């Protein structure tokens, strides 16, 4: 189920967050970059995250972050 927010319809350029700020796992975070903004990767190589970084994704951390955000946004449902 998607979250009830549509960041593409706002005037945000960037939005970032850390898992521990949502009572989720430490060391996991997220970033939203508006599609109108062009950002080049700092380090070349790897094809994860739309060619922005290399390395293995922390799937368990990502799922934990998503669950903690959902609980924080709608704790009763």
PDB file of N, CA and C in Angstrom:
ATOM      1  N   UNK A   1       0.845  -1.176   0.000  1.00  0.00           N
ATOM      2  CA  UNK A   1       0.000   0.000   0.000  1.00  0.00           C
ATOM      3  C   UNK A   1       0.894   1.245   0.000  1.00  0.00           C
ATOM      4  N   UNK A   2       0.730   2.153  -0.962  1.00  0.00           N
ATOM      5  CA  UNK A   2       1.574   3.349  -1.002  1.00  0.00           C
ATOM      6  C   UNK A   2       1.237   4.306   0.135  1.00  0.00           C
ATOM      7  N   UNK A   3       2.225   5.086   0.510  1.00  0.00           N
ATOM      8  CA  UNK A   3       2.003   6.099   1.535  1.00  0.00           C
ATOM      9  C   UNK A   3       1.132   7.209   0.954  1.00  0.00           C
ATOM     10  N   UNK A   4       0.393   7.931   1.806  1.00  0.00           N
ATOM     11  CA  UNK A   4      -0.561   8.934   1.314  1.00  0.00           C
ATOM     12  C   UNK A   4       0.084  10.259   0.901  1.00  0.00           C
ATOM     13  N   UNK A   5       1.376  10.283   0.636  1.00  0.00           N
ATOM     14  CA  UNK A   5       2.057  11.517   0.263  1.00  0.00           C
ATOM     15  C   UNK A   5       2.543  11.434  -1.176  1.00  0.00           C
ATOM     16  N   UNK A   6       2.415  12.515  -1.900  1.00  0.00           N
ATOM     17  CA  UNK A   6       2.879  12.609  -3.278  1.00  0.00           C
ATOM     18  C   UNK A   6       3.900  13.745  -3.341  1.00  0.00           C
ATOM     19  N   UNK A   7       5.155  13.400  -3.094  1.00  0.00           N
ATOM     20  CA  UNK A   7       6.185  14.424  -3.046  1.00  0.00           C
ATOM     21  C   UNK A   7       6.409  15.073  -4.400  1.00  0.00           C
ATOM     22  N   UNK A   8       6.133  14.377  -5.486  1.00  0.00           N
ATOM     23  CA  UNK A   8       6.316  14.949  -6.818  1.00  0.00           C
ATOM     24  C   UNK A   8       5.395  16.137  -7.049  1.00  0.00           C
ATOM     25  N   UNK A   9       4.310  16.224  -6.306  1.00  0.00           N
ATOM     26  CA  UNK A   9       3.368  17.335  -6.479  1.00  0.00           C
ATOM     27  C   UNK A   9       3.680  18.504  -5.547  1.00  0.00           C
ATOM     28  N   UNK A  10       4.764  18.424  -4.788  1.00  0.00           N
ATOM     29  CA  UNK A  10       5.161  19.516  -3.907  1.00  0.00           C
ATOM     30  C   UNK A  10       6.324  20.276  -4.535  1.00  0.00           C
ATOM     31  N   UNK A  11       6.771  21.315  -3.874  1.00  0.00           N
ATOM     32  CA  UNK A  11       7.897  22.099  -4.371  1.00  0.00           C
ATOM     33  C   UNK A  11       9.212  21.665  -3.729  1.00  0.00           C
ATOM     34  N   UNK A  12       9.234  20.461  -3.170  1.00  0.00           N
ATOM     35  CA  UNK A  12      10.460  19.945  -2.571  1.00  0.00           C
ATOM     36  C   UNK A  12      11.481  19.602  -3.640  1.00  0.00           C
ATOM     37  N   UNK A  13      12.738  19.919  -3.360  1.00  0.00           N
ATOM     38  CA  UNK A  13      13.814  19.479  -4.230  1.00  0.00           C
ATOM     39  C   UNK A  13      14.448  18.214  -3.663  1.00  0.00           C
ATOM     40  N   UNK A  14      14.702  18.219  -2.347  1.00  0.00           N
ATOM     41  CA  UNK A  14      15.314  17.081  -1.679  1.00  0.00           C
ATOM     42  C   UNK A  14      14.601  16.836  -0.359  1.00  0.00           C
ATOM     43  N   UNK A  15      14.555  15.565   0.057  1.00  0.00           N
ATOM     44  CA  UNK A  15      14.033  15.191   1.364  1.00  0.00           C
ATOM     45  C   UNK A  15      14.800  13.954   1.804  1.00  0.00           C
ATOM     46  N   UNK A  16      15.329  13.989   3.012  1.00  0.00           N
ATOM     47  CA  UNK A  16      16.068  12.829   3.498  1.00  0.00           C
ATOM     48  C   UNK A  16      15.637  12.522   4.924  1.00  0.00           C
ATOM     49  N   UNK A  17      15.861  11.305   5.327  1.00  0.00           N
ATOM     50  CA  UNK A  17      15.523  10.891   6.681  1.00  0.00           C
ATOM     51  C   UNK A  17      16.362   9.701   7.105  1.00  0.00           C
ATOM     52  N   UNK A  18      16.513   9.533   8.392  1.00  0.00           N
ATOM     53  CA  UNK A  18      17.281   8.427   8.963  1.00  0.00           C
ATOM     54  C   UNK A  18      16.344   7.515   9.737  1.00  0.00           C
ATOM     55  N   UNK A  19      16.598   6.215   9.660  1.00  0.00           N
ATOM     56  CA  UNK A  19      15.726   5.232  10.294  1.00  0.00           C
ATOM     57  C   UNK A  19      15.576   5.423  11.787  1.00  0.00           C
ATOM     58  N   UNK A  20      16.659   5.754  12.480  1.00  0.00           N
ATOM     59  CA  UNK A  20      16.571   5.876  13.930  1.00  0.00           C
ATOM     60  C   UNK A  20      15.708   7.062  14.369  1.00  0.00           C
ATOM     61  N   UNK A  21      15.464   8.011  13.492  1.00  0.00           N
ATOM     62  CA  UNK A  21      14.575   9.131  13.823  1.00  0.00           C
ATOM     63  C   UNK A  21      13.102   8.709  13.830  1.00  0.00           C
ATOM     64  N   UNK A  22      12.811   7.574  13.222  1.00  0.00           N
ATOM     65  CA  UNK A  22      11.450   7.030  13.190  1.00  0.00           C
ATOM     66  C   UNK A  22      11.333   5.793  14.080  1.00  0.00           C
ATOM     67  N   UNK A  23      12.274   5.632  15.009  1.00  0.00           N
ATOM     68  CA  UNK A  23      12.346   4.440  15.871  1.00  0.00           C
ATOM     69  C   UNK A  23      12.529   3.180  15.046  1.00  0.00           C
ATOM     70  N   UNK A  24      13.239   3.302  13.933  1.00  0.00           N
ATOM     71  CA  UNK A  24      13.542   2.170  13.070  1.00  0.00           C
ATOM     72  C   UNK A  24      15.002   1.763  13.224  1.00  0.00           C
ATOM     73  N   UNK A  25      15.502   0.966  12.299  1.00  0.00           N
ATOM     74  CA  UNK A  25      16.884   0.489  12.400  1.00  0.00           C
ATOM     75  C   UNK A  25      17.908   1.599  12.170  1.00  0.00           C
ATOM     76  N   UNK A  26      19.009   1.515  12.905  1.00  0.00           N
ATOM     77  CA  UNK A  26      20.101   2.474  12.718  1.00  0.00           C
ATOM     78  C   UNK A  26      20.881   2.111  11.459  1.00  0.00           C
ATOM     79  N   UNK A  27      21.445   3.107  10.825  1.00  0.00           N
ATOM     80  CA  UNK A  27      22.266   2.882   9.650  1.00  0.00           C
ATOM     81  C   UNK A  27      21.489   2.794   8.346  1.00  0.00           C
ATOM     82  N   UNK A  28      20.190   3.043   8.397  1.00  0.00           N
ATOM     83  CA  UNK A  28      19.343   2.988   7.199  1.00  0.00           C
ATOM     84  C   UNK A  28      18.670   4.349   7.044  1.00  0.00           C
ATOM     85  N   UNK A  29      18.568   4.810   5.824  1.00  0.00           N
ATOM     86  CA  UNK A  29      17.918   6.079   5.587  1.00  0.00           C
ATOM     87  C   UNK A  29      17.321   6.126   4.195  1.00  0.00           C
ATOM     88  N   UNK A  30      16.758   7.261   3.855  1.00  0.00           N
ATOM     89  CA  UNK A  30      16.172   7.434   2.531  1.00  0.00           C
ATOM     90  C   UNK A  30      16.451   8.850   2.050  1.00  0.00           C
ATOM     91  N   UNK A  31      16.369   9.017   0.755  1.00  0.00           N
ATOM     92  CA  UNK A  31      16.482  10.342   0.159  1.00  0.00           C
ATOM     93  C   UNK A  31      15.495  10.429  -1.003  1.00  0.00           C
ATOM     94  N   UNK A  32      14.810  11.543  -1.093  1.00  0.00           N
ATOM     95  CA  UNK A  32      13.944  11.844  -2.233  1.00  0.00           C
ATOM     96  C   UNK A  32      14.616  12.962  -2.996  1.00  0.00           C
ATOM     97  N   UNK A  33      14.784  12.787  -4.297  1.00  0.00           N
ATOM     98  CA  UNK A  33      15.347  13.816  -5.168  1.00  0.00           C
ATOM     99  C   UNK A  33      14.322  14.082  -6.259  1.00  0.00           C
ATOM    100  N   UNK A  34      13.881  15.316  -6.375  1.00  0.00           N
ATOM    101  CA  UNK A  34      12.909  15.707  -7.384  1.00  0.00           C
ATOM    102  C   UNK A  34      13.445  15.355  -8.763  1.00  0.00           C
ATOM    103  N   UNK A  35      12.600  14.841  -9.629  1.00  0.00           N
ATOM    104  CA  UNK A  35      13.030  14.420 -10.961  1.00  0.00           C
ATOM    105  C   UNK A  35      13.493  15.591 -11.826  1.00  0.00           C
ATOM    106  N   UNK A  36      13.169  16.835 -11.447  1.00  0.00           N
ATOM    107  CA  UNK A  36      13.637  18.006 -12.191  1.00  0.00           C
ATOM    108  C   UNK A  36      15.088  18.352 -11.873  1.00  0.00           C
ATOM    109  N   UNK A  37      15.634  17.763 -10.805  1.00  0.00           N
ATOM    110  CA  UNK A  37      16.990  18.050 -10.360  1.00  0.00           C
ATOM    111  C   UNK A  37      17.936  16.992 -10.912  1.00  0.00           C
ATOM    112  N   UNK A  38      19.050  17.424 -11.482  1.00  0.00           N
ATOM    113  CA  UNK A  38      20.061  16.496 -12.002  1.00  0.00           C
ATOM    114  C   UNK A  38      21.182  16.380 -10.978  1.00  0.00           C
ATOM    115  N   UNK A  39      21.392  15.163 -10.467  1.00  0.00           N
ATOM    116  CA  UNK A  39      22.446  14.899  -9.495  1.00  0.00           C
ATOM    117  C   UNK A  39      23.348  13.813 -10.063  1.00  0.00           C
ATOM    118  N   UNK A  40      24.645  14.096 -10.107  1.00  0.00           N
ATOM    119  CA  UNK A  40      25.613  13.115 -10.573  1.00  0.00           C
ATOM    120  C   UNK A  40      26.187  12.360  -9.373  1.00  0.00           C
ATOM    121  N   UNK A  41      26.497  11.077  -9.548  1.00  0.00           N
ATOM    122  CA  UNK A  41      27.084  10.313  -8.445  1.00  0.00           C
ATOM    123  C   UNK A  41      28.492  10.818  -8.116  1.00  0.00           C
ATOM    124  N   UNK A  42      28.875  10.736  -6.831  1.00  0.00           N
ATOM    125  CA  UNK A  42      30.207  11.150  -6.419  1.00  0.00           C
ATOM    126  C   UNK A  42      31.252  10.100  -6.769  1.00  0.00           C
ATOM    127  N   UNK A  43      30.855   8.813  -6.746  1.00  0.00           N
ATOM    128  CA  UNK A  43      31.759   7.714  -7.042  1.00  0.00           C
ATOM    129  C   UNK A  43      31.170   6.921  -8.195  1.00  0.00           C
ATOM    130  N   UNK A  44      31.960   6.684  -9.226  1.00  0.00           N
ATOM    131  CA  UNK A  44      31.497   5.900 -10.365  1.00  0.00           C
ATOM    132  C   UNK A  44      31.542   4.408 -10.043  1.00  0.00           C
ATOM    133  N   UNK A  45      30.671   3.658 -10.675  1.00  0.00           N
ATOM    134  CA  UNK A  45      30.662   2.205 -10.501  1.00  0.00           C
ATOM    135  C   UNK A  45      29.430   1.756  -9.767  1.00  0.00           C
ATOM    136  N   UNK A  46      28.964   0.579 -10.113  1.00  0.00           N
ATOM    137  CA  UNK A  46      27.765   0.051  -9.462  1.00  0.00           C
ATOM    138  C   UNK A  46      26.518   0.544 -10.146  1.00  0.00           C
ATOM    139  N   UNK A  47      25.490  -0.261 -10.095  1.00  0.00           N
ATOM    140  CA  UNK A  47      24.251   0.124 -10.772  1.00  0.00           C
ATOM    141  C   UNK A  47      23.062   0.172  -9.824  1.00  0.00           C
ATOM    142  N   UNK A  48      23.301   0.120  -8.528  1.00  0.00           N
ATOM    143  CA  UNK A  48      22.189   0.198  -7.597  1.00  0.00           C
ATOM    144  C   UNK A  48      21.661   1.632  -7.530  1.00  0.00           C
ATOM    145  N   UNK A  49      20.430   1.722  -7.114  1.00  0.00           N
ATOM    146  CA  UNK A  49      19.779   3.029  -6.927  1.00  0.00           C
ATOM    147  C   UNK A  49      19.893   3.901  -8.169  1.00  0.00           C
ATOM    148  N   UNK A  50      19.490   3.346  -9.310  1.00  0.00           N
ATOM    149  CA  UNK A  50      19.493   4.075 -10.590  1.00  0.00           C
ATOM    150  C   UNK A  50      20.875   4.612 -10.944  1.00  0.00           C
ATOM    151  N   UNK A  51      21.872   3.759 -10.805  1.00  0.00           N
ATOM    152  CA  UNK A  51      23.274   4.073 -11.116  1.00  0.00           C
ATOM    153  C   UNK A  51      23.869   5.172 -10.239  1.00  0.00           C
ATOM    154  N   UNK A  52      23.320   5.369  -9.043  1.00  0.00           N
ATOM    155  CA  UNK A  52      23.835   6.400  -8.152  1.00  0.00           C
ATOM    156  C   UNK A  52      24.850   5.858  -7.149  1.00  0.00           C
ATOM    157  N   UNK A  53      24.875   4.545  -6.900  1.00  0.00           N
ATOM    158  CA  UNK A  53      25.820   4.003  -5.926  1.00  0.00           C
ATOM    159  C   UNK A  53      26.062   2.529  -6.211  1.00  0.00           C
ATOM    160  N   UNK A  54      27.151   2.023  -5.672  1.00  0.00           N
ATOM    161  CA  UNK A  54      27.448   0.606  -5.774  1.00  0.00           C
ATOM    162  C   UNK A  54      27.250  -0.052  -4.420  1.00  0.00           C
ATOM    163  N   UNK A  55      27.264  -1.369  -4.397  1.00  0.00           N
ATOM    164  CA  UNK A  55      27.148  -2.095  -3.133  1.00  0.00           C
ATOM    165  C   UNK A  55      25.829  -2.817  -3.014  1.00  0.00           C
ATOM    166  N   UNK A  56      25.778  -3.652  -2.013  1.00  0.00           N
ATOM    167  CA  UNK A  56      24.586  -4.454  -1.769  1.00  0.00           C
ATOM    168  C   UNK A  56      23.605  -3.672  -0.903  1.00  0.00           C
ATOM    169  N   UNK A  57      22.356  -3.720  -1.271  1.00  0.00           N
ATOM    170  CA  UNK A  57      21.332  -3.017  -0.500  1.00  0.00           C
ATOM    171  C   UNK A  57      20.994  -3.805   0.759  1.00  0.00           C
ATOM    172  N   UNK A  58      20.749  -3.103   1.848  1.00  0.00           N
ATOM    173  CA  UNK A  58      20.386  -3.694   3.123  1.00  0.00           C
ATOM    174  C   UNK A  58      18.874  -3.921   3.136  1.00  0.00           C
ATOM    175  N   UNK A  59      18.453  -5.034   2.568  1.00  0.00           N
ATOM    176  CA  UNK A  59      17.025  -5.299   2.396  1.00  0.00           C
ATOM    177  C   UNK A  59      16.289  -5.339   3.728  1.00  0.00           C
ATOM    178  N   UNK A  60      16.862  -5.994   4.735  1.00  0.00           N
ATOM    179  CA  UNK A  60      16.187  -6.074   6.035  1.00  0.00           C
ATOM    180  C   UNK A  60      16.057  -4.700   6.674  1.00  0.00           C
ATOM    181  N   UNK A  61      17.082  -3.873   6.521  1.00  0.00           N
ATOM    182  CA  UNK A  61      17.019  -2.517   7.045  1.00  0.00           C
ATOM    183  C   UNK A  61      15.993  -1.670   6.327  1.00  0.00           C
ATOM    184  N   UNK A  62      15.893  -1.832   5.014  1.00  0.00           N
ATOM    185  CA  UNK A  62      14.919  -1.075   4.225  1.00  0.00           C
ATOM    186  C   UNK A  62      13.497  -1.441   4.623  1.00  0.00           C
ATOM    187  N   UNK A  63      13.237  -2.731   4.794  1.00  0.00           N
ATOM    188  CA  UNK A  63      11.904  -3.186   5.206  1.00  0.00           C
ATOM    189  C   UNK A  63      11.588  -2.673   6.607  1.00  0.00           C
ATOM    190  N   UNK A  64      12.567  -2.701   7.502  1.00  0.00           N
ATOM    191  CA  UNK A  64      12.361  -2.180   8.859  1.00  0.00           C
ATOM    192  C   UNK A  64      12.086  -0.689   8.868  1.00  0.00           C
ATOM    193  N   UNK A  65      12.793   0.059   8.023  1.00  0.00           N
ATOM    194  CA  UNK A  65      12.552   1.502   7.916  1.00  0.00           C
ATOM    195  C   UNK A  65      11.143   1.773   7.403  1.00  0.00           C
ATOM    196  N   UNK A  66      10.749   1.050   6.368  1.00  0.00           N
ATOM    197  CA  UNK A  66       9.409   1.232   5.801  1.00  0.00           C
ATOM    198  C   UNK A  66       8.327   0.947   6.841  1.00  0.00           C
ATOM    199  N   UNK A  67       8.503  -0.111   7.611  1.00  0.00           N
ATOM    200  CA  UNK A  67       7.510  -0.475   8.632  1.00  0.00           C
ATOM    201  C   UNK A  67       7.455   0.580   9.734  1.00  0.00           C
ATOM    202  N   UNK A  68       8.608   1.094  10.159  1.00  0.00           N
ATOM    203  CA  UNK A  68       8.607   2.110  11.217  1.00  0.00           C
ATOM    204  C   UNK A  68       7.966   3.407  10.736  1.00  0.00           C
ATOM    205  N   UNK A  69       8.156   3.764   9.472  1.00  0.00           N
ATOM    206  CA  UNK A  69       7.508   4.969   8.939  1.00  0.00           C
ATOM    207  C   UNK A  69       6.001   4.768   8.880  1.00  0.00           C
ATOM    208  N   UNK A  70       5.552   3.602   8.432  1.00  0.00           N
ATOM    209  CA  UNK A  70       4.108   3.324   8.378  1.00  0.00           C
ATOM    210  C   UNK A  70       3.479   3.378   9.765  1.00  0.00           C
ATOM    211  N   UNK A  71       4.137   2.788  10.744  1.00  0.00           N
ATOM    212  CA  UNK A  71       3.612   2.819  12.117  1.00  0.00           C
ATOM    213  C   UNK A  71       3.567   4.250  12.634  1.00  0.00           C
ATOM    214  N   UNK A  72       4.602   5.033  12.312  1.00  0.00           N
ATOM    215  CA  UNK A  72       4.635   6.420  12.755  1.00  0.00           C
ATOM    216  C   UNK A  72       3.576   7.298  12.099  1.00  0.00           C
ATOM    217  N   UNK A  73       3.254   7.029  10.831  1.00  0.00           N
ATOM    218  CA  UNK A  73       2.263   7.845  10.126  1.00  0.00           C
ATOM    219  C   UNK A  73       0.836   7.479  10.476  1.00  0.00           C
ATOM    220  N   UNK A  74       0.593   6.200  10.688  1.00  0.00           N
ATOM    221  CA  UNK A  74      -0.771   5.767  11.026  1.00  0.00           C
ATOM    222  C   UNK A  74      -0.669   4.622  12.060  1.00  0.00           C
ATOM    223  N   UNK A  75      -0.447   4.958  13.330  1.00  0.00           N
ATOM    224  CA  UNK A  75      -0.175   3.934  14.336  1.00  0.00           C
ATOM    225  C   UNK A  75      -1.335   2.991  14.626  1.00  0.00           C
ATOM    226  N   UNK A  76      -2.549   3.339  14.244  1.00  0.00           N
ATOM    227  CA  UNK A  76      -3.704   2.497  14.578  1.00  0.00           C
ATOM    228  C   UNK A  76      -4.280   1.788  13.364  1.00  0.00           C
ATOM    229  N   UNK A  77      -3.583   1.789  12.244  1.00  0.00           N
ATOM    230  CA  UNK A  77      -4.158   1.126  11.096  1.00  0.00           C
ATOM    231  C   UNK A  77      -3.265   0.995  10.002  1.00  0.00           C
TER     232      UNK A  77
END
